[in-house]
Amino acid sequence: MFIAEDLPRFKSLFVSRLKGMLTDDELGAFILVLANSHQDDYLLNALHDDLSRTFRALKTNYDKGKLKAPQDDLDVFIKLLDLDLSGIPTWQYKTLADCEVVYNAMRQLRPARASSQILDSTKQPFDESKFHFNKPFLKPEIFWQGYYQGLATRVLFNKFPFSDYHLLIVVSPESNSPQLLTEAMHDYAFSLEQEMAIIFPGFGIGYNSLAAGASVNHFHFQGFVREQAFAIEKTHWIHNGGEIEYPLNVECFTNSKDSWEIIEQLNKQDDAFNCLYRGGRCYIVARRYQGTVDLPSWMSGAGWLDLAGSITVSDEKTFNTIDATAVKQALISLSII
């Protein structure tokens, strides 16, 4: 079994695990639960009272100088002190042509990490001294651990989620493998998506290579559960058998073997790319390296979700003023000719 037996139990476990993380002196856990709670009204209502109580306790400990936490978390907390938490909206959506834009206010508080770095290769050795998913302080953020296809699998909450029920899926974490997609891991993702989409309708998997939005150089996928299709999945695009060109060059496959041939070629050429495993298909998008494109500020660190046509913005003004042309041009600018 992967996480839970069905979607209602998955969602119930999602809430209970988040509640269980909250304590009066764990600032990082509070930030994670707060960010996850704003995905929708169901999560916000389920977590609101526990979050309010914990926030009051954390403020008291902070005022007394008793709150110890990493500087990143303290920086976020100081910003939260100036906000009315009840005024932070749940995610808001609007459709622009084929794409969607999501206003996610909590994302503006997220540290940049490696997603903002300018790299000259998608192949970097694993570095024990940098952030990775075996760090002891991440243990409270583990949602589920077990085995799938005989491989140890660790699923963590995303501290600043940007897709519905956003998960970090770390395969064989003890191997300390860098973020480089291998054939075995590609087969794993293909199989996991096909199996779990039956149990969790809407389940899918995203992948960012280094230089393509990956913020941690420790091998992982990103899981999610959402009902609506992404723009990249619509049937009128050429890559899905239609007649209209998507803003980016997309390869789409319904089996692991053929899709791996493309990924293997991209690895050999040291090309950056993003993948979406969804609906029994693998969408592969080769793209320009992060930092080599003059993207608008609202699209820094573009990853698999952006290239699938779901753009996350973190301020209300941008959400209200952004238009379809701006989104399309940003996607086109990432395309490799």
Protein backbone atom coordinates (compact mmCIF):
# COMPACT_ATOMS: atom_id res chain seq x y z
CA MET A 1 0.00 0.00 0.00
CA PHE A 2 1.16 3.53 -0.83
CA ILE A 3 0.04 5.95 1.93
CA ALA A 4 -3.66 4.98 2.20
CA GLU A 5 -6.34 2.64 0.88
CA ASP A 6 -8.49 5.30 -0.77
CA LEU A 7 -8.79 9.06 -1.27
CA PRO A 8 -11.01 9.86 1.75
CA ARG A 9 -8.56 8.09 4.05
CA PHE A 10 -5.67 9.87 2.33
CA LYS A 11 -7.25 13.26 2.98
CA SER A 12 -8.11 12.35 6.57
CA LEU A 13 -4.53 11.21 7.17
CA PHE A 14 -3.22 14.38 5.51
CA VAL A 15 -5.10 16.50 8.05
CA SER A 16 -4.31 14.38 11.10
CA ARG A 17 -0.58 14.29 10.30
CA LEU A 18 -0.54 18.08 9.91
CA LYS A 19 -2.34 18.57 13.22
CA GLY A 20 0.08 16.20 14.91
CA MET A 21 3.04 18.33 13.84
CA LEU A 22 1.93 21.42 15.73
CA THR A 23 3.69 22.18 19.01
CA ASP A 24 4.36 25.38 20.93
CA ASP A 25 8.07 25.44 20.09
CA GLU A 26 8.35 23.99 16.55
CA LEU A 27 8.33 27.02 14.29
CA GLY A 28 9.17 25.18 11.06
CA ALA A 29 6.26 22.78 11.59
CA PHE A 30 3.87 25.67 12.18
CA ILE A 31 4.93 27.36 8.93
CA LEU A 32 4.48 24.11 7.02
CA VAL A 33 1.00 23.48 8.42
CA LEU A 34 -0.04 27.10 7.85
CA ALA A 35 1.07 26.99 4.21
CA ASN A 36 -0.66 23.66 3.60
CA SER A 37 -3.87 24.80 5.28
CA HIS A 38 -4.47 27.49 2.66
CA GLN A 39 -4.88 25.10 -0.26
CA ASP A 40 -8.67 25.04 0.11
CA ASP A 41 -11.53 25.66 2.52
CA TYR A 42 -11.64 22.03 3.68
CA LEU A 43 -8.05 22.12 4.95
CA LEU A 44 -8.34 25.64 6.35
CA ASN A 45 -11.47 24.81 8.35
CA ALA A 46 -9.96 21.57 9.63
CA LEU A 47 -6.74 23.24 10.80
CA HIS A 48 -7.77 26.79 11.70
CA ASP A 49 -8.30 26.39 15.45
CA ASP A 50 -5.11 24.40 16.02
CA LEU A 51 -3.11 26.93 13.99
CA SER A 52 -4.53 29.89 15.92
CA ARG A 53 -3.70 28.34 19.28
CA THR A 54 -0.18 27.42 18.17
CA PHE A 55 0.46 30.87 16.72
CA ARG A 56 -0.44 32.51 20.04
CA ALA A 57 1.90 30.17 21.92
CA LEU A 58 4.74 30.76 19.47
CA LYS A 59 4.32 34.54 19.77
CA THR A 60 4.54 34.25 23.55
CA ASN A 61 7.72 32.18 23.35
CA TYR A 62 9.18 34.57 20.78
CA ASP A 63 8.49 37.60 22.98
CA LYS A 64 10.20 35.83 25.90
CA GLY A 65 13.22 34.96 23.76
CA LYS A 66 12.53 31.23 24.10
CA LEU A 67 11.83 30.46 20.44
CA LYS A 68 14.80 28.70 18.84
CA ALA A 69 14.66 27.98 15.10
CA PRO A 70 16.73 28.18 11.89
CA GLN A 71 17.13 31.70 10.54
CA ASP A 72 14.97 30.96 7.49
CA ASP A 73 12.04 30.05 9.75
CA LEU A 74 12.59 33.06 12.02
CA ASP A 75 12.59 35.36 8.98
CA VAL A 76 9.26 33.91 7.88
CA PHE A 77 7.79 34.18 11.38
CA ILE A 78 8.78 37.83 11.71
CA LYS A 79 6.87 38.54 8.50
CA LEU A 80 3.87 36.61 9.81
CA LEU A 81 3.83 38.74 12.97
CA ASP A 82 2.93 41.72 10.81
CA LEU A 83 0.05 39.88 9.14
CA ASP A 84 -3.48 39.04 10.14
CA LEU A 85 -3.43 35.28 9.63
CA SER A 86 -7.20 35.22 9.14
CA GLY A 87 -6.71 37.57 6.19
CA ILE A 88 -4.47 35.18 4.23
CA PRO A 89 -6.72 33.82 1.48
CA THR A 90 -6.97 30.24 0.34
CA TRP A 91 -5.62 29.63 -3.15
CA GLN A 92 -7.50 31.54 -5.82
CA TYR A 93 -7.71 30.49 -9.46
CA LYS A 94 -8.45 32.09 -12.79
CA THR A 95 -8.32 30.72 -16.32
CA LEU A 96 -6.42 32.54 -19.08
CA ALA A 97 -6.98 30.92 -22.48
CA ASP A 98 -5.79 27.34 -21.90
CA CYS A 99 -3.67 28.04 -18.81
CA GLU A 100 -4.56 28.76 -15.20
CA VAL A 101 -3.07 31.24 -12.75
CA VAL A 102 -3.11 30.48 -9.02
CA TYR A 103 -2.73 33.12 -6.34
CA ASN A 104 -0.87 31.49 -3.44
CA ALA A 105 0.02 34.18 -0.91
CA MET A 106 2.20 31.93 1.27
CA ARG A 107 4.67 31.27 -1.56
CA GLN A 108 6.10 34.77 -1.22
CA LEU A 109 7.62 33.70 2.11
CA ARG A 110 9.50 30.70 0.69
CA PRO A 111 13.35 30.76 0.73
CA ALA A 112 14.72 30.49 -2.82
CA ARG A 113 17.18 27.60 -2.25
CA ALA A 114 18.64 26.03 -5.38
CA SER A 115 15.70 26.81 -7.65
CA SER A 116 17.20 30.27 -8.16
CA GLN A 117 20.78 29.12 -8.76
CA ILE A 118 22.38 29.44 -12.16
CA LEU A 119 23.89 26.07 -13.10
CA ASP A 120 26.06 25.00 -16.02
CA SER A 121 25.04 21.33 -15.87
CA THR A 122 22.11 19.16 -14.82
CA LYS A 123 24.58 16.73 -13.29
CA GLN A 124 25.85 17.70 -9.86
CA PRO A 125 27.21 15.36 -7.17
CA PHE A 126 25.17 14.89 -4.02
CA ASP A 127 26.51 17.20 -1.30
CA GLU A 128 25.99 16.04 2.29
CA SER A 129 26.65 19.55 3.61
CA LYS A 130 23.71 21.08 1.73
CA PHE A 131 20.00 20.67 2.32
CA HIS A 132 18.74 17.13 1.69
CA PHE A 133 15.90 14.88 2.79
CA ASN A 134 17.90 12.86 5.32
CA LYS A 135 18.37 15.82 7.65
CA PRO A 136 17.22 14.86 11.18
CA PHE A 137 15.14 18.02 11.61
CA LEU A 138 12.89 16.89 8.72
CA LYS A 139 11.60 13.82 10.59
CA PRO A 140 8.43 15.59 11.82
CA GLU A 141 7.63 16.52 8.19
CA ILE A 142 7.44 12.89 7.03
CA PHE A 143 3.91 12.04 5.93
CA TRP A 144 4.47 8.33 5.20
CA GLN A 145 7.31 5.80 4.85
CA GLY A 146 7.22 2.35 3.33
CA TYR A 147 8.16 0.34 0.28
CA TYR A 148 6.96 0.51 -3.29
CA GLN A 149 8.33 -1.83 -5.97
CA GLY A 150 10.75 -3.06 -3.33
CA LEU A 151 12.30 0.38 -2.88
CA ALA A 152 12.26 2.38 0.34
CA THR A 153 10.07 5.41 -0.21
CA ARG A 154 9.72 8.44 2.02
CA VAL A 155 6.90 10.90 1.45
CA LEU A 156 7.19 14.34 3.03
CA PHE A 157 4.91 17.34 3.13
CA ASN A 158 5.99 20.24 0.96
CA LYS A 159 6.69 23.15 3.30
CA PHE A 160 5.43 25.70 0.78
CA PRO A 161 3.07 23.69 -1.45
CA PHE A 162 2.07 24.91 -4.89
CA SER A 163 -0.06 22.01 -6.11
CA ASP A 164 -3.03 20.28 -4.48
CA TYR A 165 -2.04 17.89 -1.67
CA HIS A 166 1.56 18.48 -2.65
CA LEU A 167 3.99 15.72 -1.67
CA LEU A 168 7.72 15.16 -1.91
CA ILE A 169 8.39 11.54 -2.89
CA VAL A 170 11.97 10.57 -2.04
CA VAL A 171 12.96 7.18 -3.45
CA SER A 172 15.75 5.23 -1.73
CA PRO A 173 16.68 8.25 0.41
CA GLU A 174 19.53 6.32 2.03
CA SER A 175 21.31 6.11 -1.34
CA ASN A 176 21.99 9.86 -1.34
CA SER A 177 21.44 9.99 -5.10
CA PRO A 178 21.55 13.35 -6.85
CA GLN A 179 18.59 14.75 -8.76
CA LEU A 180 19.26 12.87 -12.01
CA LEU A 181 16.47 10.76 -13.51
CA THR A 182 17.51 7.17 -14.26
CA GLU A 183 15.62 4.51 -16.18
CA ALA A 184 14.77 2.64 -12.96
CA MET A 185 13.36 5.80 -11.35
CA HIS A 186 11.45 6.67 -14.52
CA ASP A 187 9.86 3.20 -14.54
CA TYR A 188 9.05 3.65 -10.85
CA ALA A 189 7.20 6.92 -11.48
CA PHE A 190 5.32 5.54 -14.49
CA SER A 191 4.15 2.53 -12.48
CA LEU A 192 3.30 4.49 -9.33
CA GLU A 193 1.19 7.03 -11.23
CA GLN A 194 -0.76 4.39 -13.12
CA GLU A 195 -1.49 2.36 -9.99
CA MET A 196 -2.31 5.21 -7.64
CA ALA A 197 -4.49 7.17 -10.07
CA ILE A 198 -7.03 4.35 -9.66
CA ILE A 199 -6.92 4.59 -5.86
CA PHE A 200 -6.48 8.38 -5.63
CA PRO A 201 -8.35 9.87 -8.63
CA GLY A 202 -6.37 12.83 -9.89
CA PHE A 203 -3.01 11.57 -8.61
CA GLY A 204 0.00 12.60 -10.64
CA ILE A 205 3.76 13.05 -10.41
CA GLY A 206 5.98 15.93 -11.45
CA TYR A 207 9.75 15.95 -11.94
CA ASN A 208 12.23 18.82 -12.23
CA SER A 209 15.77 18.19 -13.36
CA LEU A 210 18.51 20.39 -11.98
CA ALA A 211 18.55 23.73 -13.85
CA ALA A 212 14.80 23.19 -14.44
CA GLY A 213 13.34 24.24 -11.11
CA ALA A 214 14.67 21.52 -8.79
CA SER A 215 15.46 23.14 -5.45
CA VAL A 216 17.07 20.12 -3.74
CA ASN A 217 19.83 17.96 -5.21
CA HIS A 218 18.60 14.75 -3.54
CA PHE A 219 16.60 12.48 -5.81
CA HIS A 220 12.86 13.05 -5.52
CA PHE A 221 9.60 13.40 -7.38
CA GLN A 222 6.67 15.65 -6.53
CA GLY A 223 3.26 14.09 -6.05
CA PHE A 224 -0.15 15.75 -6.06
CA VAL A 225 -3.88 15.01 -6.18
CA ARG A 226 -6.14 17.32 -8.20
CA GLU A 227 -9.29 16.74 -10.22
CA GLN A 228 -8.92 19.23 -13.06
CA ALA A 229 -6.66 18.65 -16.05
CA PHE A 230 -3.60 20.77 -16.71
CA ALA A 231 -3.35 22.82 -19.89
CA ILE A 232 -0.68 20.45 -21.23
CA GLU A 233 -3.18 17.56 -21.05
CA LYS A 234 -5.82 19.10 -23.31
CA THR A 235 -6.56 17.16 -26.47
CA HIS A 236 -6.28 19.99 -29.00
CA TRP A 237 -2.48 20.18 -28.74
CA ILE A 238 -0.34 18.52 -31.39
CA HIS A 239 1.44 16.39 -28.79
CA ASN A 240 -1.96 14.91 -27.83
CA GLY A 241 -3.08 14.28 -31.41
CA GLY A 242 -4.67 17.68 -32.00
CA GLU A 243 -3.72 20.48 -34.39
CA ILE A 244 -2.66 23.37 -32.17
CA GLU A 245 0.92 24.04 -31.06
CA TYR A 246 1.60 24.23 -27.33
CA PRO A 247 3.82 27.19 -26.30
CA LEU A 248 6.64 24.71 -25.59
CA ASN A 249 7.94 21.64 -27.39
CA VAL A 250 6.32 18.65 -25.66
CA GLU A 251 6.93 14.94 -26.13
CA CYS A 252 4.09 12.72 -24.92
CA PHE A 253 4.23 8.94 -24.44
CA THR A 254 1.92 6.25 -23.10
CA ASN A 255 4.65 3.78 -22.18
CA SER A 256 7.82 3.85 -20.12
CA LYS A 257 10.20 2.44 -22.73
CA ASP A 258 9.65 5.01 -25.48
CA SER A 259 9.61 7.94 -23.08
CA TRP A 260 12.85 6.78 -21.51
CA GLU A 261 14.63 6.96 -24.88
CA ILE A 262 13.92 10.70 -24.98
CA ILE A 263 14.92 11.26 -21.35
CA GLU A 264 18.13 9.29 -21.84
CA GLN A 265 18.99 11.52 -24.79
CA LEU A 266 18.31 14.66 -22.77
CA ASN A 267 20.55 13.37 -19.96
CA LYS A 268 23.36 12.65 -22.43
CA GLN A 269 23.02 16.11 -23.96
CA ASP A 270 22.92 17.69 -20.48
CA ASP A 271 19.60 19.35 -21.32
CA ALA A 272 17.32 20.64 -18.59
CA PHE A 273 13.80 19.22 -18.64
CA ASN A 274 10.57 18.74 -16.73
CA CYS A 275 8.24 15.74 -16.67
CA LEU A 276 4.58 15.23 -15.81
CA TYR A 277 3.31 11.69 -15.20
CA ARG A 278 -0.46 11.83 -15.39
CA GLY A 279 -3.34 9.85 -16.86
CA GLY A 280 -1.08 6.99 -17.97
CA ARG A 281 1.09 9.40 -19.97
CA CYS A 282 4.49 10.97 -19.56
CA TYR A 283 4.86 14.54 -20.82
CA ILE A 284 8.49 15.58 -21.33
CA VAL A 285 9.46 19.19 -21.87
CA ALA A 286 13.05 20.07 -22.70
CA ARG A 287 13.64 23.70 -21.77
CA ARG A 288 16.27 26.37 -21.34
CA TYR A 289 18.32 26.42 -18.14
CA GLN A 290 16.97 28.47 -15.25
CA GLY A 291 18.79 31.78 -14.98
CA THR A 292 19.48 31.96 -18.73
CA VAL A 293 16.07 33.45 -19.56
CA ASP A 294 14.79 36.88 -18.62
CA LEU A 295 11.57 35.68 -17.04
CA PRO A 296 9.04 37.96 -15.34
CA SER A 297 9.51 38.16 -11.57
CA TRP A 298 6.32 36.18 -10.96
CA MET A 299 7.79 33.14 -12.73
CA SER A 300 11.22 32.78 -11.14
CA GLY A 301 12.35 29.15 -10.80
CA ALA A 302 9.77 27.82 -13.28
CA GLY A 303 9.28 24.07 -12.84
CA TRP A 304 7.06 21.23 -14.01
CA LEU A 305 3.83 22.87 -12.83
CA ASP A 306 4.45 26.11 -14.71
CA LEU A 307 5.38 24.28 -17.89
CA ALA A 308 2.20 22.20 -17.57
CA GLY A 309 0.28 25.47 -17.77
CA SER A 310 -0.50 26.21 -14.11
CA ILE A 311 1.25 29.42 -13.06
CA THR A 312 1.63 30.24 -9.37
CA VAL A 313 1.87 33.90 -8.33
CA SER A 314 2.31 35.15 -4.79
CA ASP A 315 0.82 38.64 -4.84
CA GLU A 316 -2.73 39.76 -5.49
CA LYS A 317 -1.87 42.59 -7.85
CA THR A 318 -0.10 40.25 -10.26
CA PHE A 319 -2.99 37.80 -10.04
CA ASN A 320 -5.48 40.54 -10.95
CA THR A 321 -3.47 42.06 -13.80
CA ILE A 322 -1.69 39.13 -15.47
CA ASP A 323 -3.09 38.21 -18.89
CA ALA A 324 -2.94 35.26 -21.29
CA THR A 325 -0.38 36.91 -23.53
CA ALA A 326 2.07 37.40 -20.66
CA VAL A 327 1.73 33.75 -19.62
CA LYS A 328 2.16 32.45 -23.16
CA GLN A 329 5.23 34.61 -23.82
CA ALA A 330 6.85 33.48 -20.55
CA LEU A 331 6.38 29.84 -21.54
CA ILE A 332 7.65 30.43 -25.07
CA SER A 333 10.80 32.11 -23.71
CA LEU A 334 11.74 28.81 -21.99
CA SER A 335 11.46 26.81 -25.19
CA ILE A 336 14.47 25.22 -26.85
CA ILE A 337 14.42 25.77 -30.61
